[in-house]
C-alpha atoms as a PDB file:
ATOM      1  CA  UNK A   1     -20.134  27.159  -6.557  1.00  0.00           C
ATOM      2  CA  UNK A   2     -20.255  23.460  -6.105  1.00  0.00           C
ATOM      3  CA  UNK A   3     -20.371  22.709  -9.576  1.00  0.00           C
ATOM      4  CA  UNK A   4     -17.178  25.434 -10.189  1.00  0.00           C
ATOM      5  CA  UNK A   5     -15.064  24.038  -7.763  1.00  0.00           C
ATOM      6  CA  UNK A   6     -15.475  20.415  -9.051  1.00  0.00           C
ATOM      7  CA  UNK A   7     -15.158  21.452 -12.606  1.00  0.00           C
ATOM      8  CA  UNK A   8     -12.110  23.207 -11.399  1.00  0.00           C
ATOM      9  CA  UNK A   9     -10.937  20.231  -9.234  1.00  0.00           C
ATOM     10  CA  UNK A  10     -11.393  17.906 -12.256  1.00  0.00           C
ATOM     11  CA  UNK A  11      -9.457  20.385 -14.052  1.00  0.00           C
ATOM     12  CA  UNK A  12      -6.894  20.081 -11.198  1.00  0.00           C
ATOM     13  CA  UNK A  13      -6.420  16.552 -11.042  1.00  0.00           C
ATOM     14  CA  UNK A  14      -6.204  16.140 -15.219  1.00  0.00           C
ATOM     15  CA  UNK A  15      -3.358  18.744 -15.306  1.00  0.00           C
ATOM     16  CA  UNK A  16      -1.366  16.843 -12.048  1.00  0.00           C
ATOM     17  CA  UNK A  17      -1.907  13.315 -13.932  1.00  0.00           C
ATOM     18  CA  UNK A  18      -0.281  14.843 -16.703  1.00  0.00           C
ATOM     19  CA  UNK A  19       2.515  16.296 -15.207  1.00  0.00           C
ATOM     20  CA  UNK A  20       3.154  13.389 -13.162  1.00  0.00           C
ATOM     21  CA  UNK A  21       3.551  11.327 -15.996  1.00  0.00           C
ATOM     22  CA  UNK A  22       5.726  13.428 -18.197  1.00  0.00           C
ATOM     23  CA  UNK A  23       8.320  13.741 -14.686  1.00  0.00           C
ATOM     24  CA  UNK A  24       8.045   9.964 -14.672  1.00  0.00           C
ATOM     25  CA  UNK A  25       9.197   9.501 -18.552  1.00  0.00           C
ATOM     26  CA  UNK A  26      11.879  12.223 -17.898  1.00  0.00           C
ATOM     27  CA  UNK A  27      13.434  10.363 -14.771  1.00  0.00           C
ATOM     28  CA  UNK A  28      12.929   7.011 -16.370  1.00  0.00           C
ATOM     29  CA  UNK A  29      15.708   7.434 -18.052  1.00  0.00           C
ATOM     30  CA  UNK A  30      18.872   7.060 -15.917  1.00  0.00           C
ATOM     31  CA  UNK A  31      19.201   3.206 -14.978  1.00  0.00           C
ATOM     32  CA  UNK A  32      20.944   3.836 -12.072  1.00  0.00           C
ATOM     33  CA  UNK A  33      18.422   5.693 -10.631  1.00  0.00           C
ATOM     34  CA  UNK A  34      15.865   3.638 -11.028  1.00  0.00           C
ATOM     35  CA  UNK A  35      17.601   0.437  -9.856  1.00  0.00           C
ATOM     36  CA  UNK A  36      18.627   2.741  -6.760  1.00  0.00           C
ATOM     37  CA  UNK A  37      15.218   3.318  -6.211  1.00  0.00           C
ATOM     38  CA  UNK A  38      13.901   0.267  -6.217  1.00  0.00           C
ATOM     39  CA  UNK A  39      16.540  -1.105  -3.914  1.00  0.00           C
ATOM     40  CA  UNK A  40      15.439   0.918  -1.495  1.00  0.00           C
ATOM     41  CA  UNK A  41      11.927   0.233  -1.479  1.00  0.00           C
ATOM     42  CA  UNK A  42      12.682  -2.849  -1.559  1.00  0.00           C
ATOM     43  CA  UNK A  43      14.603  -2.508   1.915  1.00  0.00           C
ATOM     44  CA  UNK A  44      12.129  -0.185   2.885  1.00  0.00           C
ATOM     45  CA  UNK A  45       9.085  -3.099   2.271  1.00  0.00           C
ATOM     46  CA  UNK A  46      11.056  -5.414   4.201  1.00  0.00           C
ATOM     47  CA  UNK A  47      11.337  -3.209   6.961  1.00  0.00           C
ATOM     48  CA  UNK A  48       7.667  -2.624   7.595  1.00  0.00           C
ATOM     49  CA  UNK A  49       7.017  -6.837   6.615  1.00  0.00           C
ATOM     50  CA  UNK A  50       9.385  -7.147   9.659  1.00  0.00           C
ATOM     51  CA  UNK A  51       7.533  -4.593  12.160  1.00  0.00           C
ATOM     52  CA  UNK A  52       4.561  -5.989  11.652  1.00  0.00           C
ATOM     53  CA  UNK A  53       5.315  -9.472  11.750  1.00  0.00           C
ATOM     54  CA  UNK A  54       6.834  -8.829  15.291  1.00  0.00           C
ATOM     55  CA  UNK A  55       3.562  -6.550  16.423  1.00  0.00           C
ATOM     56  CA  UNK A  56       1.062  -8.723  15.287  1.00  0.00           C
ATOM     57  CA  UNK A  57       1.107 -11.186  17.427  1.00  0.00           C
ATOM     58  CA  UNK A  58       0.991  -8.713  20.412  1.00  0.00           C
ATOM     59  CA  UNK A  59      -1.562  -6.869  18.755  1.00  0.00           C
ATOM     60  CA  UNK A  60      -3.739  -9.808  18.364  1.00  0.00           C
ATOM     61  CA  UNK A  61      -3.443 -10.748  21.629  1.00  0.00           C
ATOM     62  CA  UNK A  62      -5.058  -6.881  22.877  1.00  0.00           C
ATOM     63  CA  UNK A  63      -7.565  -6.748  20.420  1.00  0.00           C
ATOM     64  CA  UNK A  64      -8.612 -10.748  21.968  1.00  0.00           C
ATOM     65  CA  UNK A  65      -8.452  -9.362  25.764  1.00  0.00           C
ATOM     66  CA  UNK A  66     -10.374  -6.156  24.332  1.00  0.00           C
ATOM     67  CA  UNK A  67     -13.059  -8.659  22.486  1.00  0.00           C
ATOM     68  CA  UNK A  68     -12.773 -10.540  25.645  1.00  0.00           C
ATOM     69  CA  UNK A  69     -13.867  -7.719  28.139  1.00  0.00           C
ATOM     70  CA  UNK A  70     -16.204  -6.101  25.467  1.00  0.00           C
ATOM     71  CA  UNK A  71     -18.788  -9.583  25.457  1.00  0.00           C
ATOM     72  CA  UNK A  72     -17.986 -10.464  28.752  1.00  0.00           C
ATOM     73  CA  UNK A  73     -19.515  -7.339  30.407  1.00  0.00           C
ATOM     74  CA  UNK A  74     -22.438  -7.793  27.401  1.00  0.00           C
ATOM     75  CA  UNK A  75     -23.276 -11.458  28.370  1.00  0.00           C
ATOM     76  CA  UNK A  76     -23.191 -10.438  32.524  1.00  0.00           C
ATOM     77  CA  UNK A  77     -25.150  -7.765  32.123  1.00  0.00           C
ATOM     78  CA  UNK A  78     -27.666  -9.371  29.638  1.00  0.00           C
ATOM     79  CA  UNK A  79     -27.126 -12.280  32.763  1.00  0.00           C
ATOM     80  CA  UNK A  80     -27.801  -9.851  35.113  1.00  0.00           C
ATOM     81  CA  UNK A  81     -30.829  -8.596  34.175  1.00  0.00           C
END
């Protein structure tokens, strides 16, 4: 049963990949659509990178405090034994 499912999944992935390749080549004909998609994706990338840049210092501080607490507790437990 598993062998049949694996074979079916492989065939399904091959068909989906072929259809995606055909779809991409069909939509690549319009340069305006490609330019607008590139501009939109670049804008999303910039927003994501700036968001990560804004959050990263706080996230690192929180993770650092968590690790300090964790290893501090481990150290004091080993010393108290």
